[in-house]
PDB file of all heavy atoms in Angstrom:
ATOM      1  N   LEU A   1      16.574  16.416 131.778  1.00  0.00           N
ATOM      2  CA  LEU A   1      15.664  15.255 131.783  1.00  0.00           C
ATOM      3  C   LEU A   1      16.458  13.950 131.765  1.00  0.00           C
ATOM      4  O   LEU A   1      16.067  12.969 132.401  1.00  0.00           O
ATOM      5  CB  LEU A   1      14.737  15.308 130.560  1.00  0.00           C
ATOM      6  CG  LEU A   1      13.614  16.338 130.577  1.00  0.00           C
ATOM      7  CD1 LEU A   1      12.887  16.364 129.237  1.00  0.00           C
ATOM      8  CD2 LEU A   1      12.617  16.040 131.705  1.00  0.00           C
ATOM      9  N   LEU A   2      17.572  13.954 131.041  1.00  0.00           N
ATOM     10  CA  LEU A   2      18.415  12.749 130.986  1.00  0.00           C
ATOM     11  C   LEU A   2      19.046  12.456 132.342  1.00  0.00           C
ATOM     12  O   LEU A   2      19.186  11.294 132.737  1.00  0.00           O
ATOM     13  CB  LEU A   2      19.502  12.928 129.926  1.00  0.00           C
ATOM     14  CG  LEU A   2      19.012  12.873 128.475  1.00  0.00           C
ATOM     15  CD1 LEU A   2      20.011  13.502 127.531  1.00  0.00           C
ATOM     16  CD2 LEU A   2      18.737  11.432 128.066  1.00  0.00           C
ATOM     17  N   LEU A   3      19.426  13.502 133.068  1.00  0.00           N
ATOM     18  CA  LEU A   3      19.985  13.316 134.411  1.00  0.00           C
ATOM     19  C   LEU A   3      18.970  12.701 135.359  1.00  0.00           C
ATOM     20  O   LEU A   3      19.314  11.977 136.293  1.00  0.00           O
ATOM     21  CB  LEU A   3      20.459  14.661 134.972  1.00  0.00           C
ATOM     22  CG  LEU A   3      21.795  15.206 134.431  1.00  0.00           C
ATOM     23  CD1 LEU A   3      22.029  16.617 134.932  1.00  0.00           C
ATOM     24  CD2 LEU A   3      22.958  14.303 134.831  1.00  0.00           C
ATOM     25  N   ASP A   4      17.705  12.994 135.089  1.00  0.00           N
ATOM     26  CA  ASP A   4      16.626  12.537 135.975  1.00  0.00           C
ATOM     27  C   ASP A   4      16.200  11.097 135.689  1.00  0.00           C
ATOM     28  O   ASP A   4      15.464  10.503 136.464  1.00  0.00           O
ATOM     29  CB  ASP A   4      15.425  13.484 135.824  1.00  0.00           C
ATOM     30  CG  ASP A   4      14.417  13.306 136.943  1.00  0.00           C
ATOM     31  OD1 ASP A   4      14.838  13.242 138.109  1.00  0.00           O
ATOM     32  OD2 ASP A   4      13.209  13.223 136.648  1.00  0.00           O
ATOM     33  N   GLN A   5      16.657  10.547 134.553  1.00  0.00           N
ATOM     34  CA  GLN A   5      16.231   9.190 134.183  1.00  0.00           C
ATOM     35  C   GLN A   5      16.998   8.131 134.972  1.00  0.00           C
ATOM     36  O   GLN A   5      18.169   8.306 135.291  1.00  0.00           O
ATOM     37  CB  GLN A   5      16.436   8.963 132.680  1.00  0.00           C
ATOM     38  CG  GLN A   5      15.305   9.520 131.826  1.00  0.00           C
ATOM     39  CD  GLN A   5      15.304   8.916 130.439  1.00  0.00           C
ATOM     40  OE1 GLN A   5      16.331   8.544 129.909  1.00  0.00           O
ATOM     41  NE2 GLN A   5      14.131   8.820 129.836  1.00  0.00           N
ATOM     42  N   ASP A   6      16.316   7.039 135.242  1.00  0.00           N
ATOM     43  CA  ASP A   6      16.938   5.900 135.931  1.00  0.00           C
ATOM     44  C   ASP A   6      17.618   5.021 134.887  1.00  0.00           C
ATOM     45  O   ASP A   6      16.967   4.397 134.054  1.00  0.00           O
ATOM     46  CB  ASP A   6      15.864   5.106 136.681  1.00  0.00           C
ATOM     47  CG  ASP A   6      16.451   3.908 137.420  1.00  0.00           C
ATOM     48  OD1 ASP A   6      17.694   3.864 137.565  1.00  0.00           O
ATOM     49  OD2 ASP A   6      15.679   3.036 137.861  1.00  0.00           O
ATOM     50  N   ALA A   7      18.948   4.990 134.918  1.00  0.00           N
ATOM     51  CA  ALA A   7      19.705   4.245 133.903  1.00  0.00           C
ATOM     52  C   ALA A   7      20.226   2.908 134.422  1.00  0.00           C
ATOM     53  O   ALA A   7      21.059   2.271 133.786  1.00  0.00           O
ATOM     54  CB  ALA A   7      20.871   5.106 133.410  1.00  0.00           C
ATOM     55  N   ARG A   8      19.737   2.476 135.594  1.00  0.00           N
ATOM     56  CA  ARG A   8      20.263   1.224 136.161  1.00  0.00           C
ATOM     57  C   ARG A   8      19.840   0.008 135.360  1.00  0.00           C
ATOM     58  O   ARG A   8      20.559  -0.981 135.277  1.00  0.00           O
ATOM     59  CB  ARG A   8      19.804   1.088 137.616  1.00  0.00           C
ATOM     60  CG  ARG A   8      20.561   2.012 138.580  1.00  0.00           C
ATOM     61  CD  ARG A   8      19.973   1.994 139.964  1.00  0.00           C
ATOM     62  NE  ARG A   8      18.621   2.547 139.985  1.00  0.00           N
ATOM     63  CZ  ARG A   8      17.896   2.710 141.089  1.00  0.00           C
ATOM     64  NH1 ARG A   8      18.388   2.335 142.265  1.00  0.00           N
ATOM     65  NH2 ARG A   8      16.692   3.233 141.033  1.00  0.00           N
ATOM     66  N   THR A   9      18.650   0.070 134.756  1.00  0.00           N
ATOM     67  CA  THR A   9      18.186  -1.035 133.902  1.00  0.00           C
ATOM     68  C   THR A   9      17.762  -0.475 132.552  1.00  0.00           C
ATOM     69  O   THR A   9      17.320   0.676 132.453  1.00  0.00           O
ATOM     70  CB  THR A   9      16.979  -1.755 134.544  1.00  0.00           C
ATOM     71  OG1 THR A   9      15.945  -0.792 134.804  1.00  0.00           O
ATOM     72  CG2 THR A   9      17.383  -2.427 135.844  1.00  0.00           C
ATOM     73  N   ALA A  10      17.881  -1.278 131.522  1.00  0.00           N
ATOM     74  CA  ALA A  10      17.485  -0.849 130.174  1.00  0.00           C
ATOM     75  C   ALA A  10      15.966  -0.766 130.089  1.00  0.00           C
ATOM     76  O   ALA A  10      15.261  -1.685 130.516  1.00  0.00           O
ATOM     77  CB  ALA A  10      18.031  -1.818 129.142  1.00  0.00           C
ATOM     78  N   GLN A  11      15.455   0.346 129.566  1.00  0.00           N
ATOM     79  CA  GLN A  11      14.009   0.526 129.391  1.00  0.00           C
ATOM     80  C   GLN A  11      13.716   0.641 127.899  1.00  0.00           C
ATOM     81  O   GLN A  11      14.350   1.432 127.204  1.00  0.00           O
ATOM     82  CB  GLN A  11      13.548   1.799 130.105  1.00  0.00           C
ATOM     83  CG  GLN A  11      13.831   1.799 131.602  1.00  0.00           C
ATOM     84  CD  GLN A  11      13.477   3.129 132.228  1.00  0.00           C
ATOM     85  OE1 GLN A  11      12.308   3.533 132.232  1.00  0.00           O
ATOM     86  NE2 GLN A  11      14.476   3.836 132.745  1.00  0.00           N
ATOM     87  N   PHE A  12      12.735  -0.136 127.437  1.00  0.00           N
ATOM     88  CA  PHE A  12      12.435  -0.168 126.007  1.00  0.00           C
ATOM     89  C   PHE A  12      11.134   0.574 125.712  1.00  0.00           C
ATOM     90  O   PHE A  12      10.257   0.672 126.563  1.00  0.00           O
ATOM     91  CB  PHE A  12      12.326  -1.612 125.514  1.00  0.00           C
ATOM     92  CG  PHE A  12      13.640  -2.341 125.518  1.00  0.00           C
ATOM     93  CD1 PHE A  12      14.087  -2.999 126.667  1.00  0.00           C
ATOM     94  CD2 PHE A  12      14.442  -2.348 124.393  1.00  0.00           C
ATOM     95  CE1 PHE A  12      15.307  -3.664 126.675  1.00  0.00           C
ATOM     96  CE2 PHE A  12      15.663  -3.018 124.389  1.00  0.00           C
ATOM     97  CZ  PHE A  12      16.098  -3.667 125.533  1.00  0.00           C
ATOM     98  N   ALA A  13      11.044   1.085 124.485  1.00  0.00           N
ATOM     99  CA  ALA A  13       9.823   1.755 124.023  1.00  0.00           C
ATOM    100  C   ALA A  13       9.656   1.479 122.536  1.00  0.00           C
ATOM    101  O   ALA A  13      10.577   0.982 121.876  1.00  0.00           O
ATOM    102  CB  ALA A  13       9.913   3.255 124.289  1.00  0.00           C
ATOM    103  N   PHE A  14       8.458   1.808 122.025  1.00  0.00           N
ATOM    104  CA  PHE A  14       8.158   1.657 120.594  1.00  0.00           C
ATOM    105  C   PHE A  14       8.430   0.230 120.102  1.00  0.00           C
ATOM    106  O   PHE A  14       9.198   0.005 119.162  1.00  0.00           O
ATOM    107  CB  PHE A  14       8.957   2.674 119.757  1.00  0.00           C
ATOM    108  CG  PHE A  14       8.793   4.093 120.213  1.00  0.00           C
ATOM    109  CD1 PHE A  14       9.851   4.788 120.776  1.00  0.00           C
ATOM    110  CD2 PHE A  14       7.563   4.737 120.118  1.00  0.00           C
ATOM    111  CE1 PHE A  14       9.710   6.086 121.223  1.00  0.00           C
ATOM    112  CE2 PHE A  14       7.410   6.042 120.561  1.00  0.00           C
ATOM    113  CZ  PHE A  14       8.485   6.713 121.121  1.00  0.00           C
ATOM    114  N   ASN A  15       7.802  -0.728 120.788  1.00  0.00           N
ATOM    115  CA  ASN A  15       7.902  -2.143 120.414  1.00  0.00           C
ATOM    116  C   ASN A  15       9.343  -2.644 120.359  1.00  0.00           C
ATOM    117  O   ASN A  15       9.721  -3.425 119.480  1.00  0.00           O
ATOM    118  CB  ASN A  15       7.227  -2.389 119.057  1.00  0.00           C
ATOM    119  CG  ASN A  15       5.728  -2.213 119.126  1.00  0.00           C
ATOM    120  OD1 ASN A  15       5.105  -2.581 120.121  1.00  0.00           O
ATOM    121  ND2 ASN A  15       5.155  -1.617 118.089  1.00  0.00           N
ATOM    122  N   GLY A  16      10.145  -2.187 121.301  1.00  0.00           N
ATOM    123  CA  GLY A  16      11.528  -2.650 121.401  1.00  0.00           C
ATOM    124  C   GLY A  16      12.482  -2.017 120.416  1.00  0.00           C
ATOM    125  O   GLY A  16      13.644  -2.422 120.327  1.00  0.00           O
ATOM    126  N   MET A  17      12.035  -0.989 119.671  1.00  0.00           N
ATOM    127  CA  MET A  17      12.909  -0.335 118.698  1.00  0.00           C
ATOM    128  C   MET A  17      13.782   0.735 119.346  1.00  0.00           C
ATOM    129  O   MET A  17      14.745   1.215 118.736  1.00  0.00           O
ATOM    130  CB  MET A  17      12.090   0.294 117.563  1.00  0.00           C
ATOM    131  CG  MET A  17      11.353  -0.716 116.707  1.00  0.00           C
ATOM    132  SD  MET A  17      10.363   0.042 115.414  1.00  0.00           S
ATOM    133  CE  MET A  17      11.620   0.606 114.276  1.00  0.00           C
ATOM    134  N   TYR A  18      13.458   1.101 120.567  1.00  0.00           N
ATOM    135  CA  TYR A  18      14.162   2.179 121.271  1.00  0.00           C
ATOM    136  C   TYR A  18      14.559   1.666 122.654  1.00  0.00           C
ATOM    137  O   TYR A  18      13.776   0.999 123.324  1.00  0.00           O
ATOM    138  CB  TYR A  18      13.221   3.386 121.394  1.00  0.00           C
ATOM    139  CG  TYR A  18      13.745   4.512 122.265  1.00  0.00           C
ATOM    140  CD1 TYR A  18      14.356   5.620 121.702  1.00  0.00           C
ATOM    141  CD2 TYR A  18      13.629   4.466 123.655  1.00  0.00           C
ATOM    142  CE1 TYR A  18      14.833   6.645 122.499  1.00  0.00           C
ATOM    143  CE2 TYR A  18      14.104   5.481 124.454  1.00  0.00           C
ATOM    144  CZ  TYR A  18      14.715   6.573 123.869  1.00  0.00           C
ATOM    145  OH  TYR A  18      15.186   7.578 124.660  1.00  0.00           O
ATOM    146  N   VAL A  19      15.781   1.978 123.076  1.00  0.00           N
ATOM    147  CA  VAL A  19      16.227   1.571 124.403  1.00  0.00           C
ATOM    148  C   VAL A  19      16.887   2.749 125.112  1.00  0.00           C
ATOM    149  O   VAL A  19      17.653   3.499 124.508  1.00  0.00           O
ATOM    150  CB  VAL A  19      17.202   0.365 124.335  1.00  0.00           C
ATOM    151  CG1 VAL A  19      18.464   0.719 123.533  1.00  0.00           C
ATOM    152  CG2 VAL A  19      17.590  -0.114 125.725  1.00  0.00           C
ATOM    153  N   ALA A  20      16.541   2.928 126.385  1.00  0.00           N
ATOM    154  CA  ALA A  20      17.214   3.909 127.239  1.00  0.00           C
ATOM    155  C   ALA A  20      18.012   3.128 128.269  1.00  0.00           C
ATOM    156  O   ALA A  20      17.434   2.484 129.151  1.00  0.00           O
ATOM    157  CB  ALA A  20      16.191   4.828 127.907  1.00  0.00           C
ATOM    158  N   ASP A  21      19.325   3.122 128.123  1.00  0.00           N
ATOM    159  CA  ASP A  21      20.184   2.416 129.067  1.00  0.00           C
ATOM    160  C   ASP A  21      21.325   3.338 129.495  1.00  0.00           C
ATOM    161  O   ASP A  21      21.347   4.528 129.146  1.00  0.00           O
ATOM    162  CB  ASP A  21      20.714   1.114 128.450  1.00  0.00           C
ATOM    163  CG  ASP A  21      21.441   1.329 127.124  1.00  0.00           C
ATOM    164  OD1 ASP A  21      21.714   2.495 126.777  1.00  0.00           O
ATOM    165  OD2 ASP A  21      21.734   0.333 126.433  1.00  0.00           O
ATOM    166  N   GLY A  22      22.271   2.785 130.247  1.00  0.00           N
ATOM    167  CA  GLY A  22      23.358   3.608 130.762  1.00  0.00           C
ATOM    168  C   GLY A  22      24.164   4.274 129.668  1.00  0.00           C
ATOM    169  O   GLY A  22      24.460   5.469 129.728  1.00  0.00           O
ATOM    170  N   MET A  23      24.525   3.524 128.630  1.00  0.00           N
ATOM    171  CA  MET A  23      25.343   4.080 127.554  1.00  0.00           C
ATOM    172  C   MET A  23      24.609   5.201 126.817  1.00  0.00           C
ATOM    173  O   MET A  23      25.167   6.283 126.578  1.00  0.00           O
ATOM    174  CB  MET A  23      25.743   2.987 126.561  1.00  0.00           C
ATOM    175  CG  MET A  23      26.662   3.497 125.456  1.00  0.00           C
ATOM    176  SD  MET A  23      27.166   2.213 124.274  1.00  0.00           S
ATOM    177  CE  MET A  23      25.686   2.062 123.288  1.00  0.00           C
ATOM    178  N   SER A  24      23.350   4.958 126.470  1.00  0.00           N
ATOM    179  CA  SER A  24      22.609   5.973 125.724  1.00  0.00           C
ATOM    180  C   SER A  24      22.402   7.235 126.560  1.00  0.00           C
ATOM    181  O   SER A  24      22.545   8.350 126.051  1.00  0.00           O
ATOM    182  CB  SER A  24      21.256   5.411 125.261  1.00  0.00           C
ATOM    183  OG  SER A  24      20.405   5.164 126.355  1.00  0.00           O
ATOM    184  N   ASN A  25      22.100   7.078 127.837  1.00  0.00           N
ATOM    185  CA  ASN A  25      21.856   8.257 128.681  1.00  0.00           C
ATOM    186  C   ASN A  25      23.094   9.134 128.805  1.00  0.00           C
ATOM    187  O   ASN A  25      23.013  10.360 128.690  1.00  0.00           O
ATOM    188  CB  ASN A  25      21.381   7.825 130.079  1.00  0.00           C
ATOM    189  CG  ASN A  25      19.906   7.483 130.097  1.00  0.00           C
ATOM    190  OD1 ASN A  25      19.280   7.374 129.044  1.00  0.00           O
ATOM    191  ND2 ASN A  25      19.340   7.308 131.269  1.00  0.00           N
ATOM    192  N   VAL A  26      24.248   8.504 129.048  1.00  0.00           N
ATOM    193  CA  VAL A  26      25.491   9.290 129.199  1.00  0.00           C
ATOM    194  C   VAL A  26      25.851   9.970 127.885  1.00  0.00           C
ATOM    195  O   VAL A  26      26.178  11.171 127.860  1.00  0.00           O
ATOM    196  CB  VAL A  26      26.641   8.384 129.689  1.00  0.00           C
ATOM    197  CG1 VAL A  26      27.966   9.145 129.667  1.00  0.00           C
ATOM    198  CG2 VAL A  26      26.353   7.866 131.092  1.00  0.00           C
ATOM    199  N   LEU A  27      25.787   9.232 126.781  1.00  0.00           N
ATOM    200  CA  LEU A  27      26.140   9.814 125.486  1.00  0.00           C
ATOM    201  C   LEU A  27      25.176  10.926 125.101  1.00  0.00           C
ATOM    202  O   LEU A  27      25.604  11.978 124.588  1.00  0.00           O
ATOM    203  CB  LEU A  27      26.157   8.731 124.405  1.00  0.00           C
ATOM    204  CG  LEU A  27      27.334   7.755 124.448  1.00  0.00           C
ATOM    205  CD1 LEU A  27      27.148   6.636 123.440  1.00  0.00           C
ATOM    206  CD2 LEU A  27      28.658   8.473 124.189  1.00  0.00           C
ATOM    207  N   LYS A  28      23.879  10.739 125.344  1.00  0.00           N
ATOM    208  CA  LYS A  28      22.905  11.774 124.988  1.00  0.00           C
ATOM    209  C   LYS A  28      23.092  13.028 125.836  1.00  0.00           C
ATOM    210  O   LYS A  28      22.901  14.149 125.352  1.00  0.00           O
ATOM    211  CB  LYS A  28      21.480  11.229 125.133  1.00  0.00           C
ATOM    212  CG  LYS A  28      21.119  10.229 124.042  1.00  0.00           C
ATOM    213  CD  LYS A  28      19.650   9.859 124.027  1.00  0.00           C
ATOM    214  CE  LYS A  28      19.255   9.010 125.193  1.00  0.00           C
ATOM    215  NZ  LYS A  28      17.876   8.498 125.085  1.00  0.00           N
ATOM    216  N   LEU A  29      23.479  12.834 127.080  1.00  0.00           N
ATOM    217  CA  LEU A  29      23.766  13.983 127.953  1.00  0.00           C
ATOM    218  C   LEU A  29      24.909  14.814 127.361  1.00  0.00           C
ATOM    219  O   LEU A  29      24.816  16.043 127.242  1.00  0.00           O
ATOM    220  CB  LEU A  29      24.131  13.479 129.351  1.00  0.00           C
ATOM    221  CG  LEU A  29      24.543  14.532 130.382  1.00  0.00           C
ATOM    222  CD1 LEU A  29      23.385  15.460 130.695  1.00  0.00           C
ATOM    223  CD2 LEU A  29      25.046  13.873 131.656  1.00  0.00           C
ATOM    224  N   PHE A  30      25.989  14.142 126.976  1.00  0.00           N
ATOM    225  CA  PHE A  30      27.133  14.859 126.387  1.00  0.00           C
ATOM    226  C   PHE A  30      26.769  15.464 125.031  1.00  0.00           C
ATOM    227  O   PHE A  30      27.268  16.538 124.673  1.00  0.00           O
ATOM    228  CB  PHE A  30      28.336  13.925 126.257  1.00  0.00           C
ATOM    229  CG  PHE A  30      29.038  13.642 127.555  1.00  0.00           C
ATOM    230  CD1 PHE A  30      29.156  12.348 128.041  1.00  0.00           C
ATOM    231  CD2 PHE A  30      29.574  14.680 128.305  1.00  0.00           C
ATOM    232  CE1 PHE A  30      29.798  12.095 129.246  1.00  0.00           C
ATOM    233  CE2 PHE A  30      30.217  14.427 129.517  1.00  0.00           C
ATOM    234  CZ  PHE A  30      30.332  13.128 129.990  1.00  0.00           C
ATOM    235  N   ILE A  31      25.912  14.782 124.258  1.00  0.00           N
ATOM    236  CA  ILE A  31      25.486  15.311 122.959  1.00  0.00           C
ATOM    237  C   ILE A  31      24.753  16.636 123.133  1.00  0.00           C
ATOM    238  O   ILE A  31      25.039  17.624 122.441  1.00  0.00           O
ATOM    239  CB  ILE A  31      24.599  14.285 122.220  1.00  0.00           C
ATOM    240  CG1 ILE A  31      25.451  13.141 121.654  1.00  0.00           C
ATOM    241  CG2 ILE A  31      23.797  14.945 121.092  1.00  0.00           C
ATOM    242  CD1 ILE A  31      24.657  11.924 121.215  1.00  0.00           C
ATOM    243  N   CYS A  32      23.806  16.679 124.068  1.00  0.00           N
ATOM    244  CA  CYS A  32      23.028  17.913 124.301  1.00  0.00           C
ATOM    245  C   CYS A  32      23.934  19.058 124.745  1.00  0.00           C
ATOM    246  O   CYS A  32      23.810  20.188 124.256  1.00  0.00           O
ATOM    247  CB  CYS A  32      21.942  17.666 125.343  1.00  0.00           C
ATOM    248  SG  CYS A  32      20.604  16.604 124.765  1.00  0.00           S
ATOM    249  N   VAL A  33      24.840  18.771 125.659  1.00  0.00           N
ATOM    250  CA  VAL A  33      25.765  19.812 126.145  1.00  0.00           C
ATOM    251  C   VAL A  33      26.681  20.273 125.010  1.00  0.00           C
ATOM    252  O   VAL A  33      26.925  21.480 124.850  1.00  0.00           O
ATOM    253  CB  VAL A  33      26.590  19.285 127.339  1.00  0.00           C
ATOM    254  CG1 VAL A  33      27.680  20.277 127.734  1.00  0.00           C
ATOM    255  CG2 VAL A  33      25.677  19.006 128.528  1.00  0.00           C
ATOM    256  N   ALA A  34      27.186  19.329 124.207  1.00  0.00           N
ATOM    257  CA  ALA A  34      28.094  19.681 123.106  1.00  0.00           C
ATOM    258  C   ALA A  34      27.405  20.559 122.069  1.00  0.00           C
ATOM    259  O   ALA A  34      27.983  21.547 121.600  1.00  0.00           O
ATOM    260  CB  ALA A  34      28.645  18.407 122.451  1.00  0.00           C
ATOM    261  N   VAL A  35      26.167  20.236 121.694  1.00  0.00           N
ATOM    262  CA  VAL A  35      25.457  21.038 120.689  1.00  0.00           C
ATOM    263  C   VAL A  35      25.130  22.424 121.251  1.00  0.00           C
ATOM    264  O   VAL A  35      25.211  23.431 120.525  1.00  0.00           O
ATOM    265  CB  VAL A  35      24.184  20.308 120.198  1.00  0.00           C
ATOM    266  CG1 VAL A  35      23.394  21.185 119.239  1.00  0.00           C
ATOM    267  CG2 VAL A  35      24.555  18.994 119.510  1.00  0.00           C
ATOM    268  N   ALA A  36      24.784  22.502 122.534  1.00  0.00           N
ATOM    269  CA  ALA A  36      24.566  23.807 123.170  1.00  0.00           C
ATOM    270  C   ALA A  36      25.853  24.641 123.123  1.00  0.00           C
ATOM    271  O   ALA A  36      25.814  25.853 122.849  1.00  0.00           O
ATOM    272  CB  ALA A  36      24.093  23.629 124.613  1.00  0.00           C
ATOM    273  N   MET A  37      27.001  24.001 123.369  1.00  0.00           N
ATOM    274  CA  MET A  37      28.290  24.706 123.293  1.00  0.00           C
ATOM    275  C   MET A  37      28.572  25.180 121.873  1.00  0.00           C
ATOM    276  O   MET A  37      29.092  26.291 121.667  1.00  0.00           O
ATOM    277  CB  MET A  37      29.417  23.784 123.778  1.00  0.00           C
ATOM    278  CG  MET A  37      29.411  23.546 125.277  1.00  0.00           C
ATOM    279  SD  MET A  37      30.635  22.301 125.793  1.00  0.00           S
ATOM    280  CE  MET A  37      32.174  23.198 125.530  1.00  0.00           C
ATOM    281  N   VAL A  38      28.223  24.372 120.874  1.00  0.00           N
ATOM    282  CA  VAL A  38      28.401  24.775 119.474  1.00  0.00           C
ATOM    283  C   VAL A  38      27.623  26.059 119.194  1.00  0.00           C
ATOM    284  O   VAL A  38      28.144  26.994 118.562  1.00  0.00           O
ATOM    285  CB  VAL A  38      27.940  23.649 118.516  1.00  0.00           C
ATOM    286  CG1 VAL A  38      27.837  24.156 117.080  1.00  0.00           C
ATOM    287  CG2 VAL A  38      28.897  22.462 118.581  1.00  0.00           C
ATOM    288  N   LEU A  39      26.384  26.133 119.670  1.00  0.00           N
ATOM    289  CA  LEU A  39      25.555  27.318 119.426  1.00  0.00           C
ATOM    290  C   LEU A  39      26.123  28.554 120.118  1.00  0.00           C
ATOM    291  O   LEU A  39      26.098  29.656 119.564  1.00  0.00           O
ATOM    292  CB  LEU A  39      24.119  27.056 119.894  1.00  0.00           C
ATOM    293  CG  LEU A  39      23.334  26.009 119.090  1.00  0.00           C
ATOM    294  CD1 LEU A  39      21.954  25.793 119.684  1.00  0.00           C
ATOM    295  CD2 LEU A  39      23.216  26.430 117.629  1.00  0.00           C
ATOM    296  N   ILE A  40      26.645  28.384 121.331  1.00  0.00           N
ATOM    297  CA  ILE A  40      27.227  29.529 122.052  1.00  0.00           C
ATOM    298  C   ILE A  40      28.504  30.001 121.358  1.00  0.00           C
ATOM    299  O   ILE A  40      28.695  31.202 121.142  1.00  0.00           O
ATOM    300  CB  ILE A  40      27.504  29.156 123.524  1.00  0.00           C
ATOM    301  CG1 ILE A  40      26.183  28.861 124.257  1.00  0.00           C
ATOM    302  CG2 ILE A  40      28.254  30.283 124.232  1.00  0.00           C
ATOM    303  CD1 ILE A  40      26.355  28.222 125.623  1.00  0.00           C
ATOM    304  N   TYR A  41      29.386  29.064 121.006  1.00  0.00           N
ATOM    305  CA  TYR A  41      30.611  29.426 120.299  1.00  0.00           C
ATOM    306  C   TYR A  41      30.311  30.137 118.976  1.00  0.00           C
ATOM    307  O   TYR A  41      31.048  31.038 118.561  1.00  0.00           O
ATOM    308  CB  TYR A  41      31.443  28.176 120.004  1.00  0.00           C
ATOM    309  CG  TYR A  41      32.351  27.716 121.111  1.00  0.00           C
ATOM    310  CD1 TYR A  41      32.434  26.359 121.447  1.00  0.00           C
ATOM    311  CD2 TYR A  41      33.148  28.610 121.819  1.00  0.00           C
ATOM    312  CE1 TYR A  41      33.284  25.919 122.462  1.00  0.00           C
ATOM    313  CE2 TYR A  41      33.994  28.178 122.833  1.00  0.00           C
ATOM    314  CZ  TYR A  41      34.056  26.838 123.150  1.00  0.00           C
ATOM    315  OH  TYR A  41      34.900  26.410 124.151  1.00  0.00           O
TER     316      TYR A  41
END
């Protein structure tokens, strides 16, 4: 789902308390993959 998101511009939600931008998308992608690797290991 993170790969499918458009990260070219920052998108806000929850009255500006949440932002989806380039940095968050890339880091969250690596976070999900890393935790999946932890479970497999």
